Amino acid sequence: MKELTEYFSVLYKYRELISSLVAKDLKSRYRGSVMGMAWTFLNPLLTLSVYALVFSRYQRIEVPNYAVFMFAGLLPWIWFSSSLLEGVNSITGAGALITKSMFPAEILPMVKIISNLFNYLFSLPLLFGFMLWFGVEFTLAAIWLPFLMAGQLLFTTGLVYFVASLNVRFRDVQHMLANIMLLWFFLCPIIYPKSAIPPELKLYTYSMNPMAHLAVGYQDIFIFGRTPDLFAILMVMLAGGLCMILGIRQFERGRETFAEEI
C-alpha cells in the first residue's frame, strides 16, 4: 500500500504537468490531418461500420439494435486497448525525458490512459446519438456508469504500468501485446451477446475476464436500461486494485534501470 500512497502523491504533485502533457498528446494525435479532432468520432464510427456490416449482415447475429449494442461495448474497449498499446511504449519512447534525473517517470503511462479516457468521453455523444436514432431509451441505470469507468480505470492503469515497465527490458512485450489484444477483443462479448459463449468456455472467457464483465455492464446500462451485475463490477474493481498494486510494484522495481536500458 505504501507504493500506491506514494504513487498518488506524485500524481497529485505533478497534476499540472500531467494536464499539460495530456493536452499536448490530444492535440498532437491528429496534427496535420484535414479532419483534425473529428477523427475522435470518425475512428470508432468507421470501426463500428465494419463490424456492424460483417456481423449483422454476413454472420447474422440476431441482437436488437445491434449497432448500439456493439457500440456500447466497443467504445470502452477502444479506451482500454489504446491505453495499453500506447502505454506500453510510454517509457521507451520518452528517452530524452527519462534520462533527466528529476523527471517523474510515473506520470508518462498515466498521460496515455487519461488521453484515451478523454477520447472515450468525447465519443459518448456519438453513442447517445445512436441511441436516439434507434429509439433506445436512456434510463436512470446510467448512474452506474461512473462505477464501471472507475473499475476499468483501475484495471487499465495497473496493466499499463506493468507492461510499460516490462517493455523497457523486454522489447518483445510491445509486439506480443498487439496480438494478445486482438485475441482478448474476440473473447469479450462485444460483437456477440453473452448468451453466445459456449458453456464449457464461460468460466475462462467470461467469468475470469474483467473486460467481459465491463462490456456486459456497459450494455446493460445503455441497451437494456438495467442495473449491471453489481457483484461482477465489485470483482472488477477488486481485480483493478490488485492490478494497480502489482503494476506499481513492477514499475518501482524497474525504475532505477530505466535510463540505462533506454
C-alpha atoms as a PDB file:
ATOM      1  CA  MET A   1       0.000   0.000   0.000  1.00  0.00           C
ATOM      2  CA  LYS A   2       2.983   2.299   0.554  1.00  0.00           C
ATOM      3  CA  GLU A   3       3.735   2.245  -3.182  1.00  0.00           C
ATOM      4  CA  LEU A   4       0.168   3.278  -4.006  1.00  0.00           C
ATOM      5  CA  THR A   5       0.226   6.124  -1.487  1.00  0.00           C
ATOM      6  CA  GLU A   6       3.494   7.454  -2.889  1.00  0.00           C
ATOM      7  CA  TYR A   7       2.226   6.999  -6.450  1.00  0.00           C
ATOM      8  CA  PHE A   8      -0.936   9.028  -5.858  1.00  0.00           C
ATOM      9  CA  SER A   9       1.024  11.731  -4.039  1.00  0.00           C
ATOM     10  CA  VAL A  10       3.368  12.051  -7.037  1.00  0.00           C
ATOM     11  CA  LEU A  11       0.436  12.268  -9.450  1.00  0.00           C
ATOM     12  CA  TYR A  12      -1.142  14.982  -7.324  1.00  0.00           C
ATOM     13  CA  LYS A  13       2.139  16.875  -7.033  1.00  0.00           C
ATOM     14  CA  TYR A  14       2.630  16.903 -10.802  1.00  0.00           C
ATOM     15  CA  ARG A  15      -1.048  17.309 -11.738  1.00  0.00           C
ATOM     16  CA  GLU A  16      -0.370  20.475 -13.747  1.00  0.00           C
ATOM     17  CA  LEU A  17       2.398  18.779 -15.723  1.00  0.00           C
ATOM     18  CA  ILE A  18       0.097  15.812 -16.385  1.00  0.00           C
ATOM     19  CA  SER A  19      -2.656  18.161 -17.606  1.00  0.00           C
ATOM     20  CA  SER A  20      -0.193  19.904 -19.909  1.00  0.00           C
ATOM     21  CA  LEU A  21       1.111  16.618 -21.355  1.00  0.00           C
ATOM     22  CA  VAL A  22      -2.424  15.259 -21.840  1.00  0.00           C
ATOM     23  CA  ALA A  23      -3.436  18.413 -23.721  1.00  0.00           C
ATOM     24  CA  LYS A  24      -0.286  18.166 -25.837  1.00  0.00           C
ATOM     25  CA  ASP A  25      -0.961  14.484 -26.559  1.00  0.00           C
ATOM     26  CA  LEU A  26      -4.565  15.145 -27.608  1.00  0.00           C
ATOM     27  CA  LYS A  27      -3.518  17.991 -29.899  1.00  0.00           C
ATOM     28  CA  SER A  28      -0.668  16.039 -31.489  1.00  0.00           C
ATOM     29  CA  ARG A  29      -2.756  12.959 -32.328  1.00  0.00           C
ATOM     30  CA  TYR A  30      -4.296  14.458 -35.441  1.00  0.00           C
ATOM     31  CA  ARG A  31      -1.906  17.332 -36.102  1.00  0.00           C
ATOM     32  CA  GLY A  32      -1.546  17.858 -39.827  1.00  0.00           C
ATOM     33  CA  SER A  33      -4.743  15.987 -40.692  1.00  0.00           C
ATOM     34  CA  VAL A  34      -7.530  17.792 -42.523  1.00  0.00           C
ATOM     35  CA  MET A  35     -10.274  16.433 -40.235  1.00  0.00           C
ATOM     36  CA  GLY A  36      -8.387  17.138 -37.011  1.00  0.00           C
ATOM     37  CA  MET A  37     -10.246  16.247 -33.819  1.00  0.00           C
ATOM     38  CA  ALA A  38     -13.152  14.942 -35.900  1.00  0.00           C
ATOM     39  CA  TRP A  39     -11.202  11.668 -36.088  1.00  0.00           C
ATOM     40  CA  THR A  40     -12.072  11.174 -32.413  1.00  0.00           C
ATOM     41  CA  PHE A  41     -15.592  10.430 -33.660  1.00  0.00           C
ATOM     42  CA  LEU A  42     -14.761   9.047 -37.100  1.00  0.00           C
ATOM     43  CA  ASN A  43     -12.353   6.303 -35.975  1.00  0.00           C
ATOM     44  CA  PRO A  44     -14.831   4.465 -33.713  1.00  0.00           C
ATOM     45  CA  LEU A  45     -17.642   5.164 -36.190  1.00  0.00           C
ATOM     46  CA  LEU A  46     -15.717   3.559 -39.055  1.00  0.00           C
ATOM     47  CA  THR A  47     -14.757   0.603 -36.864  1.00  0.00           C
ATOM     48  CA  LEU A  48     -18.383   0.198 -35.870  1.00  0.00           C
ATOM     49  CA  SER A  49     -19.482   0.318 -39.512  1.00  0.00           C
ATOM     50  CA  VAL A  50     -17.139  -2.514 -40.478  1.00  0.00           C
ATOM     51  CA  TYR A  51     -18.114  -4.798 -37.594  1.00  0.00           C
ATOM     52  CA  ALA A  52     -21.810  -3.969 -37.913  1.00  0.00           C
ATOM     53  CA  LEU A  53     -21.764  -4.843 -41.620  1.00  0.00           C
ATOM     54  CA  VAL A  54     -19.924  -8.144 -41.104  1.00  0.00           C
ATOM     55  CA  PHE A  55     -21.739  -9.389 -38.019  1.00  0.00           C
ATOM     56  CA  SER A  56     -25.262  -8.136 -38.696  1.00  0.00           C
ATOM     57  CA  ARG A  57     -25.368  -8.919 -42.425  1.00  0.00           C
ATOM     58  CA  TYR A  58     -22.940 -11.749 -43.101  1.00  0.00           C
ATOM     59  CA  GLN A  59     -22.792 -13.612 -39.776  1.00  0.00           C
ATOM     60  CA  ARG A  60     -26.369 -12.656 -38.895  1.00  0.00           C
ATOM     61  CA  ILE A  61     -26.015 -12.124 -35.143  1.00  0.00           C
ATOM     62  CA  GLU A  62     -29.587 -11.567 -34.010  1.00  0.00           C
ATOM     63  CA  VAL A  63     -29.435  -8.824 -31.394  1.00  0.00           C
ATOM     64  CA  PRO A  64     -31.998  -5.991 -31.267  1.00  0.00           C
ATOM     65  CA  ASN A  65     -30.426  -2.619 -32.088  1.00  0.00           C
ATOM     66  CA  TYR A  66     -27.186  -4.415 -32.869  1.00  0.00           C
ATOM     67  CA  ALA A  67     -25.230  -1.290 -33.828  1.00  0.00           C
ATOM     68  CA  VAL A  68     -25.978   0.351 -30.468  1.00  0.00           C
ATOM     69  CA  PHE A  69     -25.338  -2.934 -28.637  1.00  0.00           C
ATOM     70  CA  MET A  70     -21.886  -3.248 -30.173  1.00  0.00           C
ATOM     71  CA  PHE A  71     -21.039   0.447 -29.850  1.00  0.00           C
ATOM     72  CA  ALA A  72     -21.739   0.371 -26.106  1.00  0.00           C
ATOM     73  CA  GLY A  73     -19.014  -2.243 -25.636  1.00  0.00           C
ATOM     74  CA  LEU A  74     -16.697  -1.108 -28.416  1.00  0.00           C
ATOM     75  CA  LEU A  75     -16.063   2.418 -27.093  1.00  0.00           C
ATOM     76  CA  PRO A  76     -14.735   1.351 -23.659  1.00  0.00           C
ATOM     77  CA  TRP A  77     -12.721  -1.381 -25.379  1.00  0.00           C
ATOM     78  CA  ILE A  78     -11.043   1.259 -27.569  1.00  0.00           C
ATOM     79  CA  TRP A  79     -10.186   3.218 -24.407  1.00  0.00           C
ATOM     80  CA  PHE A  80      -8.736   0.067 -22.828  1.00  0.00           C
ATOM     81  CA  SER A  81      -6.800  -1.274 -25.826  1.00  0.00           C
ATOM     82  CA  SER A  82      -5.488   2.133 -26.937  1.00  0.00           C
ATOM     83  CA  SER A  83      -4.243   2.841 -23.404  1.00  0.00           C
ATOM     84  CA  LEU A  84      -2.318  -0.435 -23.344  1.00  0.00           C
ATOM     85  CA  LEU A  85      -0.952  -0.248 -26.895  1.00  0.00           C
ATOM     86  CA  GLU A  86       0.186   3.351 -26.439  1.00  0.00           C
ATOM     87  CA  GLY A  87       1.154   2.997 -22.792  1.00  0.00           C
ATOM     88  CA  VAL A  88       3.479   0.050 -23.392  1.00  0.00           C
ATOM     89  CA  ASN A  89       5.862   2.443 -25.186  1.00  0.00           C
ATOM     90  CA  SER A  90       5.338   5.388 -22.842  1.00  0.00           C
ATOM     91  CA  ILE A  91       8.713   4.859 -21.134  1.00  0.00           C
ATOM     92  CA  THR A  92      10.794   3.553 -24.036  1.00  0.00           C
ATOM     93  CA  GLY A  93       9.522   6.339 -26.273  1.00  0.00           C
ATOM     94  CA  ALA A  94      10.493   9.121 -23.874  1.00  0.00           C
ATOM     95  CA  GLY A  95      14.213   8.540 -23.555  1.00  0.00           C
ATOM     96  CA  ALA A  96      15.071  12.247 -23.533  1.00  0.00           C
ATOM     97  CA  LEU A  97      12.822  12.772 -20.502  1.00  0.00           C
ATOM     98  CA  ILE A  98      13.705   9.572 -18.624  1.00  0.00           C
ATOM     99  CA  THR A  99      17.415  10.383 -18.653  1.00  0.00           C
ATOM    100  CA  LYS A 100      16.703  13.576 -16.734  1.00  0.00           C
ATOM    101  CA  SER A 101      17.207  12.637 -13.086  1.00  0.00           C
ATOM    102  CA  MET A 102      14.430  14.863 -11.734  1.00  0.00           C
ATOM    103  CA  PHE A 103      11.718  13.884 -14.212  1.00  0.00           C
ATOM    104  CA  PRO A 104       8.881  11.807 -12.644  1.00  0.00           C
ATOM    105  CA  ALA A 105       8.684   8.767 -14.951  1.00  0.00           C
ATOM    106  CA  GLU A 106       5.458   7.536 -13.327  1.00  0.00           C
ATOM    107  CA  ILE A 107       3.385  10.260 -14.954  1.00  0.00           C
ATOM    108  CA  LEU A 108       4.092   9.084 -18.529  1.00  0.00           C
ATOM    109  CA  PRO A 109       1.848   5.968 -18.578  1.00  0.00           C
ATOM    110  CA  MET A 110      -0.912   7.923 -16.858  1.00  0.00           C
ATOM    111  CA  VAL A 111      -0.819  10.564 -19.613  1.00  0.00           C
ATOM    112  CA  LYS A 112      -1.710   7.884 -22.184  1.00  0.00           C
ATOM    113  CA  ILE A 113      -4.504   6.492 -20.007  1.00  0.00           C
ATOM    114  CA  ILE A 114      -6.071   9.901 -19.388  1.00  0.00           C
ATOM    115  CA  SER A 115      -5.759  10.919 -23.054  1.00  0.00           C
ATOM    116  CA  ASN A 116      -7.675   7.832 -24.125  1.00  0.00           C
ATOM    117  CA  LEU A 117     -10.185   8.350 -21.324  1.00  0.00           C
ATOM    118  CA  PHE A 118     -10.927  11.782 -22.780  1.00  0.00           C
ATOM    119  CA  ASN A 119     -11.316  10.213 -26.212  1.00  0.00           C
ATOM    120  CA  TYR A 120     -13.884   7.846 -24.704  1.00  0.00           C
ATOM    121  CA  LEU A 121     -15.759  10.732 -23.087  1.00  0.00           C
ATOM    122  CA  PHE A 122     -15.668  12.700 -26.348  1.00  0.00           C
ATOM    123  CA  SER A 123     -17.168   9.676 -28.135  1.00  0.00           C
ATOM    124  CA  LEU A 124     -20.095   9.233 -25.731  1.00  0.00           C
ATOM    125  CA  PRO A 125     -22.276  11.840 -27.519  1.00  0.00           C
ATOM    126  CA  LEU A 126     -21.923   9.665 -30.622  1.00  0.00           C
ATOM    127  CA  LEU A 127     -23.300   6.697 -28.651  1.00  0.00           C
ATOM    128  CA  PHE A 128     -26.144   8.840 -27.320  1.00  0.00           C
ATOM    129  CA  GLY A 129     -26.917   9.905 -30.879  1.00  0.00           C
ATOM    130  CA  PHE A 130     -27.128   6.258 -31.955  1.00  0.00           C
ATOM    131  CA  MET A 131     -29.432   5.519 -29.027  1.00  0.00           C
ATOM    132  CA  LEU A 132     -31.712   8.370 -30.079  1.00  0.00           C
ATOM    133  CA  TRP A 133     -31.646   7.291 -33.735  1.00  0.00           C
ATOM    134  CA  PHE A 134     -32.583   3.682 -32.937  1.00  0.00           C
ATOM    135  CA  GLY A 135     -35.099   4.627 -30.262  1.00  0.00           C
ATOM    136  CA  VAL A 136     -33.158   3.128 -27.343  1.00  0.00           C
ATOM    137  CA  GLU A 137     -34.355   4.725 -24.122  1.00  0.00           C
ATOM    138  CA  PHE A 138     -31.859   6.438 -21.836  1.00  0.00           C
ATOM    139  CA  THR A 139     -32.655   5.324 -18.254  1.00  0.00           C
ATOM    140  CA  LEU A 140     -31.541   6.010 -14.698  1.00  0.00           C
ATOM    141  CA  ALA A 141     -29.304   2.940 -14.928  1.00  0.00           C
ATOM    142  CA  ALA A 142     -26.724   5.411 -16.266  1.00  0.00           C
ATOM    143  CA  ILE A 143     -25.959   6.396 -12.647  1.00  0.00           C
ATOM    144  CA  TRP A 144     -23.816   3.234 -12.513  1.00  0.00           C
ATOM    145  CA  LEU A 145     -21.612   4.419 -15.384  1.00  0.00           C
ATOM    146  CA  PRO A 146     -19.021   6.139 -13.125  1.00  0.00           C
ATOM    147  CA  PHE A 147     -18.592   2.893 -11.151  1.00  0.00           C
ATOM    148  CA  LEU A 148     -17.932   0.930 -14.330  1.00  0.00           C
ATOM    149  CA  MET A 149     -15.469   3.564 -15.510  1.00  0.00           C
ATOM    150  CA  ALA A 150     -13.718   3.591 -12.126  1.00  0.00           C
ATOM    151  CA  GLY A 151     -13.292  -0.184 -12.237  1.00  0.00           C
ATOM    152  CA  GLN A 152     -11.960  -0.006 -15.780  1.00  0.00           C
ATOM    153  CA  LEU A 153      -9.609   2.845 -14.884  1.00  0.00           C
ATOM    154  CA  LEU A 154      -8.077   0.861 -12.006  1.00  0.00           C
ATOM    155  CA  PHE A 155      -7.716  -2.288 -14.093  1.00  0.00           C
ATOM    156  CA  THR A 156      -6.280  -0.421 -17.088  1.00  0.00           C
ATOM    157  CA  THR A 157      -3.837   1.615 -15.009  1.00  0.00           C
ATOM    158  CA  GLY A 158      -2.368  -1.440 -13.306  1.00  0.00           C
ATOM    159  CA  LEU A 159      -1.858  -3.258 -16.616  1.00  0.00           C
ATOM    160  CA  VAL A 160      -0.379  -0.216 -18.367  1.00  0.00           C
ATOM    161  CA  TYR A 161       2.210   0.347 -15.636  1.00  0.00           C
ATOM    162  CA  PHE A 162       3.093  -3.342 -15.652  1.00  0.00           C
ATOM    163  CA  VAL A 163       3.623  -3.655 -19.429  1.00  0.00           C
ATOM    164  CA  ALA A 164       5.314  -0.230 -19.717  1.00  0.00           C
ATOM    165  CA  SER A 165       7.980  -1.147 -17.157  1.00  0.00           C
ATOM    166  CA  LEU A 166       8.379  -4.691 -18.517  1.00  0.00           C
ATOM    167  CA  ASN A 167       8.799  -3.384 -22.057  1.00  0.00           C
ATOM    168  CA  VAL A 168      11.864  -1.373 -21.039  1.00  0.00           C
ATOM    169  CA  ARG A 169      13.856  -4.578 -20.533  1.00  0.00           C
ATOM    170  CA  PHE A 170      11.990  -6.905 -22.887  1.00  0.00           C
ATOM    171  CA  ARG A 171      11.027  -5.073 -26.079  1.00  0.00           C
ATOM    172  CA  ASP A 172       9.179  -8.171 -27.290  1.00  0.00           C
ATOM    173  CA  VAL A 173       6.323  -7.144 -24.982  1.00  0.00           C
ATOM    174  CA  GLN A 174       5.112  -4.416 -27.336  1.00  0.00           C
ATOM    175  CA  HIS A 175       4.945  -6.882 -30.233  1.00  0.00           C
ATOM    176  CA  MET A 176       3.235  -9.618 -28.238  1.00  0.00           C
ATOM    177  CA  LEU A 177       0.710  -7.193 -26.792  1.00  0.00           C
ATOM    178  CA  ALA A 178      -0.865  -6.331 -30.158  1.00  0.00           C
ATOM    179  CA  ASN A 179      -1.680  -9.992 -30.775  1.00  0.00           C
ATOM    180  CA  ILE A 180      -2.890 -10.518 -27.211  1.00  0.00           C
ATOM    181  CA  MET A 181      -5.255  -7.555 -27.514  1.00  0.00           C
ATOM    182  CA  LEU A 182      -6.719  -8.917 -30.756  1.00  0.00           C
ATOM    183  CA  LEU A 183      -7.449 -12.276 -29.112  1.00  0.00           C
ATOM    184  CA  TRP A 184      -8.753 -10.574 -25.965  1.00  0.00           C
ATOM    185  CA  PHE A 185     -11.188  -8.498 -28.013  1.00  0.00           C
ATOM    186  CA  PHE A 186     -12.828 -11.581 -29.504  1.00  0.00           C
ATOM    187  CA  LEU A 187     -13.014 -13.221 -26.072  1.00  0.00           C
ATOM    188  CA  CYS A 188     -15.228 -10.366 -24.836  1.00  0.00           C
ATOM    189  CA  PRO A 189     -18.978 -10.284 -25.642  1.00  0.00           C
ATOM    190  CA  ILE A 190     -18.746  -7.047 -27.628  1.00  0.00           C
ATOM    191  CA  ILE A 191     -19.646  -8.178 -31.138  1.00  0.00           C
ATOM    192  CA  TYR A 192     -21.794 -11.053 -29.869  1.00  0.00           C
ATOM    193  CA  PRO A 193     -24.137 -11.433 -26.859  1.00  0.00           C
ATOM    194  CA  LYS A 194     -23.081 -13.148 -23.640  1.00  0.00           C
ATOM    195  CA  SER A 195     -25.567 -15.939 -24.388  1.00  0.00           C
ATOM    196  CA  ALA A 196     -23.438 -16.960 -27.395  1.00  0.00           C
ATOM    197  CA  ILE A 197     -20.497 -18.019 -25.213  1.00  0.00           C
ATOM    198  CA  PRO A 198     -20.220 -21.844 -25.146  1.00  0.00           C
ATOM    199  CA  PRO A 199     -20.973 -23.149 -21.618  1.00  0.00           C
ATOM    200  CA  GLU A 200     -17.700 -25.092 -21.471  1.00  0.00           C
ATOM    201  CA  LEU A 201     -15.714 -21.894 -22.125  1.00  0.00           C
ATOM    202  CA  LYS A 202     -17.720 -19.482 -19.997  1.00  0.00           C
ATOM    203  CA  LEU A 203     -15.533 -19.894 -16.883  1.00  0.00           C
ATOM    204  CA  TYR A 204     -12.351 -18.909 -18.708  1.00  0.00           C
ATOM    205  CA  THR A 205     -13.553 -16.447 -21.330  1.00  0.00           C
ATOM    206  CA  TYR A 206     -16.210 -14.653 -19.288  1.00  0.00           C
ATOM    207  CA  SER A 207     -16.129 -15.340 -15.546  1.00  0.00           C
ATOM    208  CA  MET A 208     -12.355 -14.771 -15.322  1.00  0.00           C
ATOM    209  CA  ASN A 209     -12.302 -11.916 -17.840  1.00  0.00           C
ATOM    210  CA  PRO A 210     -12.727  -8.442 -16.256  1.00  0.00           C
ATOM    211  CA  MET A 211     -13.192  -6.722 -19.616  1.00  0.00           C
ATOM    212  CA  ALA A 212     -16.000  -9.138 -20.494  1.00  0.00           C
ATOM    213  CA  HIS A 213     -17.857  -8.138 -17.316  1.00  0.00           C
ATOM    214  CA  LEU A 214     -17.296  -4.471 -18.102  1.00  0.00           C
ATOM    215  CA  ALA A 215     -18.569  -4.850 -21.682  1.00  0.00           C
ATOM    216  CA  VAL A 216     -21.747  -6.541 -20.437  1.00  0.00           C
ATOM    217  CA  GLY A 217     -22.111  -3.864 -17.767  1.00  0.00           C
ATOM    218  CA  TYR A 218     -21.984  -1.066 -20.336  1.00  0.00           C
ATOM    219  CA  GLN A 219     -24.507  -2.932 -22.496  1.00  0.00           C
ATOM    220  CA  ASP A 220     -26.823  -3.386 -19.508  1.00  0.00           C
ATOM    221  CA  ILE A 221     -26.744   0.347 -18.845  1.00  0.00           C
ATOM    222  CA  PHE A 222     -27.097   1.687 -22.376  1.00  0.00           C
ATOM    223  CA  ILE A 223     -29.016  -1.027 -24.228  1.00  0.00           C
ATOM    224  CA  PHE A 224     -31.186  -2.786 -21.685  1.00  0.00           C
ATOM    225  CA  GLY A 225     -31.613   0.105 -19.236  1.00  0.00           C
ATOM    226  CA  ARG A 226     -30.952  -2.062 -16.206  1.00  0.00           C
ATOM    227  CA  THR A 227     -28.576  -2.128 -13.274  1.00  0.00           C
ATOM    228  CA  PRO A 228     -25.425  -4.068 -14.140  1.00  0.00           C
ATOM    229  CA  ASP A 229     -24.338  -7.091 -12.115  1.00  0.00           C
ATOM    230  CA  LEU A 230     -23.008  -5.242  -9.075  1.00  0.00           C
ATOM    231  CA  PHE A 231     -21.150  -8.282  -7.738  1.00  0.00           C
ATOM    232  CA  ALA A 232     -19.306  -8.627 -11.046  1.00  0.00           C
ATOM    233  CA  ILE A 233     -18.448  -4.917 -11.043  1.00  0.00           C
ATOM    234  CA  LEU A 234     -17.193  -5.182  -7.457  1.00  0.00           C
ATOM    235  CA  MET A 235     -14.965  -8.080  -8.518  1.00  0.00           C
ATOM    236  CA  VAL A 236     -13.659  -5.981 -11.424  1.00  0.00           C
ATOM    237  CA  MET A 237     -12.822  -3.140  -9.026  1.00  0.00           C
ATOM    238  CA  LEU A 238     -11.038  -5.568  -6.686  1.00  0.00           C
ATOM    239  CA  ALA A 239      -9.154  -7.036  -9.644  1.00  0.00           C
ATOM    240  CA  GLY A 240      -8.334  -3.482 -10.720  1.00  0.00           C
ATOM    241  CA  GLY A 241      -6.988  -2.649  -7.275  1.00  0.00           C
ATOM    242  CA  LEU A 242      -4.829  -5.785  -7.331  1.00  0.00           C
ATOM    243  CA  CYS A 243      -3.546  -4.885 -10.804  1.00  0.00           C
ATOM    244  CA  MET A 244      -2.713  -1.407  -9.532  1.00  0.00           C
ATOM    245  CA  ILE A 245      -0.631  -2.815  -6.675  1.00  0.00           C
ATOM    246  CA  LEU A 246       1.200  -5.321  -8.889  1.00  0.00           C
ATOM    247  CA  GLY A 247       1.681  -2.810 -11.702  1.00  0.00           C
ATOM    248  CA  ILE A 248       3.087  -0.073  -9.459  1.00  0.00           C
ATOM    249  CA  ARG A 249       5.398  -2.536  -7.686  1.00  0.00           C
ATOM    250  CA  GLN A 250       6.726  -3.787 -11.020  1.00  0.00           C
ATOM    251  CA  PHE A 251       7.205  -0.183 -12.131  1.00  0.00           C
ATOM    252  CA  GLU A 252       9.077   0.728  -8.948  1.00  0.00           C
ATOM    253  CA  ARG A 253      11.358  -2.318  -9.237  1.00  0.00           C
ATOM    254  CA  GLY A 254      12.398  -1.338 -12.744  1.00  0.00           C
ATOM    255  CA  ARG A 255      12.571   2.433 -12.287  1.00  0.00           C
ATOM    256  CA  GLU A 256      16.276   2.598 -11.375  1.00  0.00           C
ATOM    257  CA  THR A 257      17.331   0.870 -14.592  1.00  0.00           C
ATOM    258  CA  PHE A 258      15.064   2.793 -16.981  1.00  0.00           C
ATOM    259  CA  ALA A 259      17.736   5.325 -18.011  1.00  0.00           C
ATOM    260  CA  GLU A 260      20.339   2.582 -18.539  1.00  0.00           C
ATOM    261  CA  GLU A 261      18.045   0.286 -20.540  1.00  0.00           C
ATOM    262  CA  ILE A 262      16.758   3.053 -22.800  1.00  0.00           C
END
